[in-house]
């Protein structure tokens, strides 16, 4: 398989602290790769190493199958990035901000119109940026990162601080990029819900280590909702379900059904009522990101 980004044993230490530890990242062409982890997990440090802004303590980074140490300039000419908040001149218009950057990069003037169209800001090209909403500023930041027509786009927490409509705008924009422009996109986030709605593949990092890397479908299996039954005499009720061939867990207070289909829940309730148990509550428990991390770590889904 052709990997646009591949890291081998990528490690970064700051004194005694190990921020990134033996990270093995593999990102196929045309994917939206969700780089997921709690704050302080090592995501931004990894991204800085991918962009050549920080030297690894050990290990290697290959982008477009080229070694970043040896061909840094050639590689980065085809990479766009938005790390932390976009920088802009508030007293200049959107077009003027992009023009200042275009001169540095050396791309044709026509590219400004193209990137403003991609991020749907062409109508406000002549408006001063100080009047922009947070979401518009973020889209302008993405426009700037697209000026050099990158094959790889790296976005660090692109929806941070946005309101719900701003988040939806950025999400829709990102989803279009691989399909319409053939880009591979890396998005880092600490929000599982964000990644779940955008990414095609996902890498989960915790304490500097990659603990999971696979398709979003595999990730969803970890984040599955649980159906919990609160019943009288829960241990006896659990044994009664097992005796009828139903798969369930028991934890002294509750019964958790391992098959959460509506039909299975209805069957379990029917059996328990028939066997004389009182059912106090049937609840659907959604897992938080922390729960997913804990489960992944517990099951040692190491890559």
Protein backbone atom coordinates (compact mmCIF):
# COMPACT_ATOMS: atom_id res chain seq x y z
CA UNK A 1 0.00 0.00 0.00
CA UNK A 2 1.16 3.54 -0.80
CA UNK A 3 1.55 5.53 2.40
CA UNK A 4 1.60 9.31 2.15
CA UNK A 5 2.91 9.53 5.73
CA UNK A 6 4.85 6.81 7.53
CA UNK A 7 6.75 7.21 10.78
CA UNK A 8 9.02 4.55 12.24
CA UNK A 9 9.78 4.45 15.97
CA UNK A 10 9.21 8.22 16.15
CA UNK A 11 10.33 9.46 19.57
CA UNK A 12 10.70 12.89 21.16
CA UNK A 13 12.11 13.57 24.62
CA UNK A 14 12.21 16.87 26.50
CA UNK A 15 14.79 16.22 29.21
CA UNK A 16 13.48 13.20 31.11
CA UNK A 17 9.95 13.55 29.79
CA UNK A 18 9.06 11.40 26.78
CA UNK A 19 6.38 13.34 24.82
CA UNK A 20 6.23 10.86 21.91
CA UNK A 21 7.31 7.27 22.27
CA UNK A 22 8.06 4.89 19.37
CA UNK A 23 5.15 6.17 17.26
CA UNK A 24 4.36 4.15 14.12
CA UNK A 25 1.97 6.15 11.96
CA UNK A 26 0.73 4.87 8.59
CA UNK A 27 -1.53 7.07 6.47
CA UNK A 28 -2.71 5.84 3.05
CA UNK A 29 -3.27 8.23 0.14
CA UNK A 30 -6.63 10.01 -0.02
CA UNK A 31 -7.64 9.33 3.59
CA UNK A 32 -8.94 11.73 6.22
CA UNK A 33 -6.82 10.54 9.13
CA UNK A 34 -8.16 11.43 12.56
CA UNK A 35 -5.29 11.81 15.01
CA UNK A 36 -7.08 11.44 18.30
CA UNK A 37 -5.95 11.80 21.89
CA UNK A 38 -6.54 13.75 25.10
CA UNK A 39 -4.78 17.08 25.59
CA UNK A 40 -1.13 16.47 26.41
CA UNK A 41 -1.03 13.08 24.66
CA UNK A 42 1.71 14.13 22.21
CA UNK A 43 -0.41 15.09 19.16
CA UNK A 44 0.98 18.59 18.59
CA UNK A 45 4.57 17.41 19.20
CA UNK A 46 4.03 14.70 16.55
CA UNK A 47 2.57 17.22 14.09
CA UNK A 48 5.52 19.57 14.65
CA UNK A 49 7.88 16.69 13.81
CA UNK A 50 5.85 15.86 10.66
CA UNK A 51 6.22 19.49 9.56
CA UNK A 52 9.95 19.61 10.26
CA UNK A 53 9.39 22.25 12.99
CA UNK A 54 10.91 19.96 15.60
CA UNK A 55 13.64 17.33 15.35
CA UNK A 56 12.83 13.83 16.58
CA UNK A 57 15.07 12.45 19.34
CA UNK A 58 15.05 9.21 17.35
CA UNK A 59 13.07 7.47 14.62
CA UNK A 60 12.16 8.65 11.13
CA UNK A 61 9.44 10.47 9.21
CA UNK A 62 8.72 9.59 5.57
CA UNK A 63 6.27 11.75 3.60
CA UNK A 64 5.50 10.89 -0.05
CA UNK A 65 7.95 7.99 0.53
CA UNK A 66 10.82 10.47 1.02
CA UNK A 67 12.89 10.93 4.17
CA UNK A 68 11.98 14.27 5.79
CA UNK A 69 15.53 14.75 7.12
CA UNK A 70 17.04 14.48 3.65
CA UNK A 71 14.39 16.14 1.44
CA UNK A 72 12.66 18.56 3.79
CA UNK A 73 12.14 21.49 1.39
CA UNK A 74 10.94 19.33 -1.51
CA UNK A 75 8.45 17.53 0.77
CA UNK A 76 7.14 20.63 2.56
CA UNK A 77 6.47 22.38 -0.77
CA UNK A 78 3.61 19.87 -1.18
CA UNK A 79 2.32 20.07 2.42
CA UNK A 80 -0.19 22.58 3.81
CA UNK A 81 -0.78 23.09 7.52
CA UNK A 82 -2.81 24.93 10.10
CA UNK A 83 -1.25 24.52 13.55
CA UNK A 84 -2.99 26.28 16.43
CA UNK A 85 -4.73 29.58 15.60
CA UNK A 86 -4.27 30.99 12.09
CA UNK A 87 -2.24 34.21 11.98
CA UNK A 88 -3.60 37.10 9.92
CA UNK A 89 -3.50 40.90 9.66
CA UNK A 90 -6.88 42.12 11.01
CA UNK A 91 -6.68 45.52 9.23
CA UNK A 92 -6.23 43.82 5.82
CA UNK A 93 -8.93 42.10 3.75
CA UNK A 94 -9.09 38.33 3.23
CA UNK A 95 -7.63 38.77 -0.27
CA UNK A 96 -4.80 41.03 0.96
CA UNK A 97 -3.89 38.56 3.72
CA UNK A 98 -3.60 35.78 1.16
CA UNK A 99 -1.67 38.05 -1.24
CA UNK A 100 0.99 38.71 1.43
CA UNK A 101 1.44 34.96 1.84
CA UNK A 102 1.25 34.24 -1.90
CA UNK A 103 4.27 36.46 -2.53
CA UNK A 104 6.33 34.43 -0.05
CA UNK A 105 5.21 31.07 -1.48
CA UNK A 106 5.47 32.21 -5.10
CA UNK A 107 2.24 30.77 -6.54
CA UNK A 108 0.16 32.45 -9.31
CA UNK A 109 -2.19 35.28 -8.30
CA UNK A 110 -5.18 33.31 -9.63
CA UNK A 111 -4.68 30.86 -6.75
CA UNK A 112 -6.12 33.37 -4.26
CA UNK A 113 -9.52 33.29 -5.97
CA UNK A 114 -9.38 29.49 -6.17
CA UNK A 115 -8.67 28.95 -2.45
CA UNK A 116 -11.29 31.51 -1.38
CA UNK A 117 -13.81 29.58 -3.50
CA UNK A 118 -12.79 26.25 -1.91
CA UNK A 119 -13.43 27.62 1.60
CA UNK A 120 -16.51 29.57 0.43
CA UNK A 121 -15.19 33.02 1.31
CA UNK A 122 -15.15 34.47 -2.24
CA UNK A 123 -18.04 36.83 -1.35
CA UNK A 124 -16.03 38.44 1.46
CA UNK A 125 -12.65 38.62 -0.31
CA UNK A 126 -12.63 42.45 0.05
CA UNK A 127 -13.81 42.59 3.66
CA UNK A 128 -11.41 43.30 6.50
CA UNK A 129 -10.59 40.24 8.57
CA UNK A 130 -11.22 42.02 11.90
CA UNK A 131 -14.95 41.81 11.12
CA UNK A 132 -14.85 38.05 10.48
CA UNK A 133 -16.47 35.46 12.78
CA UNK A 134 -14.24 32.84 14.39
CA UNK A 135 -15.39 30.26 11.82
CA UNK A 136 -14.59 32.59 8.90
CA UNK A 137 -11.11 33.26 10.33
CA UNK A 138 -10.57 29.52 10.62
CA UNK A 139 -11.66 29.01 7.00
CA UNK A 140 -9.28 31.79 5.94
CA UNK A 141 -6.52 29.92 7.79
CA UNK A 142 -7.39 26.78 5.81
CA UNK A 143 -7.42 28.85 2.58
CA UNK A 144 -3.89 30.01 3.42
CA UNK A 145 -2.79 26.41 3.99
CA UNK A 146 -4.20 25.47 0.55
CA UNK A 147 -2.35 28.21 -1.39
CA UNK A 148 0.51 25.92 -2.42
CA UNK A 149 -2.00 23.30 -3.71
CA UNK A 150 -0.81 20.68 -1.20
CA UNK A 151 -1.08 16.92 -1.58
CA UNK A 152 -1.07 16.59 2.22
CA UNK A 153 -2.96 18.91 4.56
CA UNK A 154 -2.29 18.86 8.32
CA UNK A 155 -4.84 20.54 10.61
CA UNK A 156 -4.23 20.74 14.35
CA UNK A 157 -7.55 21.04 16.28
CA UNK A 158 -9.27 22.90 13.38
CA UNK A 159 -12.64 23.26 15.15
CA UNK A 160 -11.26 24.49 18.49
CA UNK A 161 -13.29 27.39 19.89
CA UNK A 162 -15.89 27.35 17.10
CA UNK A 163 -19.64 27.49 17.61
CA UNK A 164 -21.79 24.60 16.25
CA UNK A 165 -22.39 26.23 12.84
CA UNK A 166 -18.67 26.99 12.48
CA UNK A 167 -17.84 23.37 13.32
CA UNK A 168 -20.27 22.11 10.65
CA UNK A 169 -18.76 24.48 8.03
CA UNK A 170 -15.21 23.29 8.73
CA UNK A 171 -16.31 19.64 8.80
CA UNK A 172 -18.05 19.90 5.42
CA UNK A 173 -15.04 21.67 3.94
CA UNK A 174 -12.61 18.99 5.15
CA UNK A 175 -14.83 16.15 3.91
CA UNK A 176 -14.75 17.60 0.37
CA UNK A 177 -10.96 17.91 0.09
CA UNK A 178 -9.95 14.27 -0.67
CA UNK A 179 -12.86 13.75 -3.07
CA UNK A 180 -12.63 17.06 -4.94
CA UNK A 181 -8.89 17.78 -4.82
CA UNK A 182 -7.23 14.41 -4.18
CA UNK A 183 -5.74 15.56 -0.89
CA UNK A 184 -4.78 13.43 2.08
CA UNK A 185 -5.81 15.15 5.33
CA UNK A 186 -4.58 14.72 8.91
CA UNK A 187 -6.83 16.24 11.58
CA UNK A 188 -5.79 16.16 15.20
CA UNK A 189 -8.50 16.42 17.84
CA UNK A 190 -9.34 15.50 21.43
CA UNK A 191 -13.03 15.16 20.47
CA UNK A 192 -14.12 11.69 19.42
CA UNK A 193 -17.44 13.03 18.07
CA UNK A 194 -15.58 15.36 15.68
CA UNK A 195 -13.27 12.67 14.34
CA UNK A 196 -16.15 10.20 14.09
CA UNK A 197 -17.98 12.50 11.66
CA UNK A 198 -15.00 13.28 9.42
CA UNK A 199 -12.29 10.64 9.46
CA UNK A 200 -11.96 7.50 7.35
CA UNK A 201 -9.04 6.13 9.37
CA UNK A 202 -8.00 6.94 12.90
CA UNK A 203 -4.92 6.79 15.11
CA UNK A 204 -5.36 7.08 18.87
CA UNK A 205 -2.43 8.32 20.94
CA UNK A 206 -2.21 8.19 24.72
CA UNK A 207 0.80 9.35 26.76
CA UNK A 208 2.86 9.60 23.58
CA UNK A 209 2.11 6.04 22.43
CA UNK A 210 -0.11 4.91 19.57
CA UNK A 211 -2.62 2.56 21.17
CA UNK A 212 -4.91 2.07 18.17
CA UNK A 213 -4.70 2.61 14.42
CA UNK A 214 -7.36 1.37 12.04
CA UNK A 215 -10.48 2.34 10.09
CA UNK A 216 -13.19 4.47 11.70
CA UNK A 217 -15.50 1.42 11.50
CA UNK A 218 -13.17 -0.51 13.80
CA UNK A 219 -13.00 2.48 16.12
CA UNK A 220 -16.81 2.61 16.32
CA UNK A 221 -16.85 -0.93 17.66
CA UNK A 222 -15.00 0.38 20.70
CA UNK A 223 -17.33 3.32 21.15
CA UNK A 224 -20.49 1.21 20.94
CA UNK A 225 -23.34 2.08 23.23
CA UNK A 226 -24.23 -0.33 26.02
CA UNK A 227 -27.73 -1.36 27.07
CA UNK A 228 -27.93 -1.73 30.85
CA UNK A 229 -30.81 -3.31 32.75
CA UNK A 230 -31.48 -2.39 36.39
CA UNK A 231 -33.49 -5.27 37.84
CA UNK A 232 -34.41 -6.92 41.14
CA UNK A 233 -31.94 -9.61 42.28
CA UNK A 234 -29.57 -8.82 39.44
CA UNK A 235 -27.31 -11.87 39.86
CA UNK A 236 -30.22 -14.33 39.67
CA UNK A 237 -31.66 -12.38 36.73
CA UNK A 238 -28.29 -12.52 34.95
CA UNK A 239 -28.07 -16.30 35.53
CA UNK A 240 -31.62 -16.68 34.20
CA UNK A 241 -30.64 -14.87 30.99
CA UNK A 242 -27.50 -17.02 30.60
CA UNK A 243 -29.62 -20.15 31.09
CA UNK A 244 -31.77 -19.02 28.16
CA UNK A 245 -28.66 -18.63 25.98
CA UNK A 246 -28.45 -14.84 26.11
CA UNK A 247 -25.04 -13.13 26.31
CA UNK A 248 -24.74 -10.64 29.16
CA UNK A 249 -22.35 -9.26 31.79
CA UNK A 250 -23.14 -8.66 35.45
CA UNK A 251 -21.47 -6.24 37.90
CA UNK A 252 -23.37 -6.70 41.20
CA UNK A 253 -25.89 -3.96 40.39
CA UNK A 254 -26.61 -4.09 36.67
CA UNK A 255 -26.88 -6.45 33.74
CA UNK A 256 -25.21 -5.33 30.50
CA UNK A 257 -26.48 -6.94 27.29
CA UNK A 258 -23.70 -7.87 24.88
CA UNK A 259 -26.04 -7.89 21.89
CA UNK A 260 -27.67 -4.44 21.84
CA UNK A 261 -30.15 -4.90 18.98
CA UNK A 262 -33.71 -3.76 19.70
CA UNK A 263 -34.95 -7.31 19.21
CA UNK A 264 -32.47 -8.74 21.71
CA UNK A 265 -33.34 -6.08 24.34
CA UNK A 266 -37.05 -6.85 23.90
CA UNK A 267 -36.40 -10.61 24.25
CA UNK A 268 -34.32 -10.11 27.43
CA UNK A 269 -37.07 -7.96 29.01
CA UNK A 270 -39.72 -10.52 28.04
CA UNK A 271 -37.74 -13.41 29.62
CA UNK A 272 -37.03 -11.49 32.83
CA UNK A 273 -40.69 -10.51 33.29
CA UNK A 274 -41.73 -14.12 32.58
CA UNK A 275 -39.23 -15.36 35.19
CA UNK A 276 -40.69 -13.00 37.82
CA UNK A 277 -38.02 -10.29 38.00
CA UNK A 278 -38.91 -6.61 38.39
CA UNK A 279 -37.35 -4.34 35.76
CA UNK A 280 -36.70 -0.88 37.14
CA UNK A 281 -34.95 0.67 34.20
CA UNK A 282 -33.57 -0.03 30.71
CA UNK A 283 -30.80 2.45 29.88
CA UNK A 284 -28.56 3.12 26.92
CA UNK A 285 -25.09 4.12 28.09
CA UNK A 286 -22.88 6.04 25.69
CA UNK A 287 -19.15 5.73 26.17
CA UNK A 288 -17.09 8.84 26.64
CA UNK A 289 -13.75 9.24 24.88
CA UNK A 290 -12.04 8.44 28.19
CA UNK A 291 -13.99 5.16 28.42
CA UNK A 292 -12.86 4.26 24.91
CA UNK A 293 -9.24 5.02 25.78
CA UNK A 294 -9.48 2.94 28.96
CA UNK A 295 -10.97 0.02 27.07
CA UNK A 296 -8.35 0.23 24.34
CA UNK A 297 -5.51 0.40 26.85
CA UNK A 298 -7.01 -2.45 28.84
CA UNK A 299 -7.32 -4.65 25.79
CA UNK A 300 -3.79 -3.66 24.76
CA UNK A 301 -4.68 -2.92 21.21
CA UNK A 302 -1.12 -1.84 20.52
CA UNK A 303 -0.12 -1.23 16.93
